[in-house]
C-alpha atoms as a PDB file:
ATOM      1  CA  MET A   1     -42.568  -5.781  85.239  1.00  0.00           C
ATOM      2  CA  GLY A   2     -45.865  -5.700  83.997  1.00  0.00           C
ATOM      3  CA  VAL A   3     -48.564  -6.307  81.535  1.00  0.00           C
ATOM      4  CA  ASP A   4     -49.611  -4.510  79.171  1.00  0.00           C
ATOM      5  CA  ARG A   5     -52.553  -5.250  78.475  1.00  0.00           C
ATOM      6  CA  LYS A   6     -52.802  -2.792  74.890  1.00  0.00           C
ATOM      7  CA  SER A   7     -51.583  -3.294  71.998  1.00  0.00           C
ATOM      8  CA  PRO A   8     -48.423  -4.895  71.354  1.00  0.00           C
ATOM      9  CA  ILE A   9     -45.795  -3.454  70.137  1.00  0.00           C
ATOM     10  CA  SER A  10     -44.942  -4.921  66.373  1.00  0.00           C
ATOM     11  CA  TRP A  11     -48.800  -6.663  65.078  1.00  0.00           C
ATOM     12  CA  PRO A  12     -47.274  -9.027  62.679  1.00  0.00           C
ATOM     13  CA  LEU A  13     -44.949 -10.226  65.072  1.00  0.00           C
ATOM     14  CA  TYR A  14     -47.795 -10.899  67.613  1.00  0.00           C
ATOM     15  CA  GLU A  15     -49.620 -11.943  64.300  1.00  0.00           C
ATOM     16  CA  ARG A  16     -47.027 -14.522  64.351  1.00  0.00           C
ATOM     17  CA  HIS A  17     -46.145 -15.698  67.372  1.00  0.00           C
ATOM     18  CA  GLY A  18     -48.823 -14.472  69.299  1.00  0.00           C
ATOM     19  CA  VAL A  19     -47.878 -13.440  73.196  1.00  0.00           C
ATOM     20  CA  PHE A  20     -44.590 -14.074  74.220  1.00  0.00           C
ATOM     21  CA  ARG A  21     -44.244 -15.530  77.882  1.00  0.00           C
ATOM     22  CA  TYR A  22     -41.725 -14.282  80.387  1.00  0.00           C
ATOM     23  CA  THR A  23     -40.837 -17.384  82.295  1.00  0.00           C
ATOM     24  CA  GLY A  24     -37.219 -16.982  84.305  1.00  0.00           C
ATOM     25  CA  ALA A  25     -35.993 -14.968  87.214  1.00  0.00           C
ATOM     26  CA  LEU A  26     -35.956 -11.063  86.520  1.00  0.00           C
ATOM     27  CA  ARG A  27     -32.351  -9.546  87.869  1.00  0.00           C
ATOM     28  CA  SER A  28     -32.680  -6.155  86.753  1.00  0.00           C
ATOM     29  CA  VAL A  29     -34.025  -4.331  83.451  1.00  0.00           C
ATOM     30  CA  THR A  30     -32.337  -1.355  80.798  1.00  0.00           C
ATOM     31  CA  TYR A  31     -34.882   0.191  79.042  1.00  0.00           C
ATOM     32  CA  ARG A  32     -33.249   2.465  76.139  1.00  0.00           C
ATOM     33  CA  PRO A  33     -35.482   3.902  74.183  1.00  0.00           C
ATOM     34  CA  GLY A  34     -35.305   3.728  69.725  1.00  0.00           C
ATOM     35  CA  ALA A  35     -36.976   6.820  67.501  1.00  0.00           C
ATOM     36  CA  PRO A  36     -40.225   8.447  68.227  1.00  0.00           C
ATOM     37  CA  GLY A  37     -42.855   6.474  66.327  1.00  0.00           C
ATOM     38  CA  PRO A  38     -44.916   8.072  63.840  1.00  0.00           C
ATOM     39  CA  ASP A  39     -47.753   8.839  65.810  1.00  0.00           C
ATOM     40  CA  SER A  40     -45.499  11.622  68.272  1.00  0.00           C
ATOM     41  CA  PRO A  41     -46.544  14.701  69.104  1.00  0.00           C
ATOM     42  CA  ALA A  42     -43.439  15.943  67.181  1.00  0.00           C
ATOM     43  CA  ALA A  43     -44.049  14.058  64.337  1.00  0.00           C
ATOM     44  CA  VAL A  44     -47.909  14.972  64.181  1.00  0.00           C
ATOM     45  CA  ALA A  45     -46.692  18.712  63.918  1.00  0.00           C
ATOM     46  CA  GLN A  46     -44.663  18.553  61.726  1.00  0.00           C
ATOM     47  CA  ALA A  47     -46.782  17.201  59.208  1.00  0.00           C
ATOM     48  CA  LEU A  48     -49.533  19.887  59.895  1.00  0.00           C
ATOM     49  CA  ARG A  49     -46.702  21.879  59.254  1.00  0.00           C
ATOM     50  CA  ASP A  50     -45.446  20.485  56.536  1.00  0.00           C
ATOM     51  CA  ALA A  51     -49.520  21.026  55.380  1.00  0.00           C
ATOM     52  CA  ALA A  52     -50.607  24.443  55.928  1.00  0.00           C
ATOM     53  CA  ALA A  53     -47.356  24.825  54.057  1.00  0.00           C
ATOM     54  CA  ALA A  54     -48.499  23.239  51.533  1.00  0.00           C
ATOM     55  CA  PHE A  55     -51.309  25.359  51.095  1.00  0.00           C
ATOM     56  CA  GLU A  56     -50.269  28.385  51.644  1.00  0.00           C
END
């Protein structure tokens, strides 16, 4: 587990509560990726295809 000094995952949550500092002992971590974000390469490519199709 490390520190990521870039933007938080949820700005509204960060603005309401600030940083949630971890203070316990870490035994294991499970990473389960969620749905791709709106700025993922696949979503951007689809948006560009849709925009190009609108001008055809």
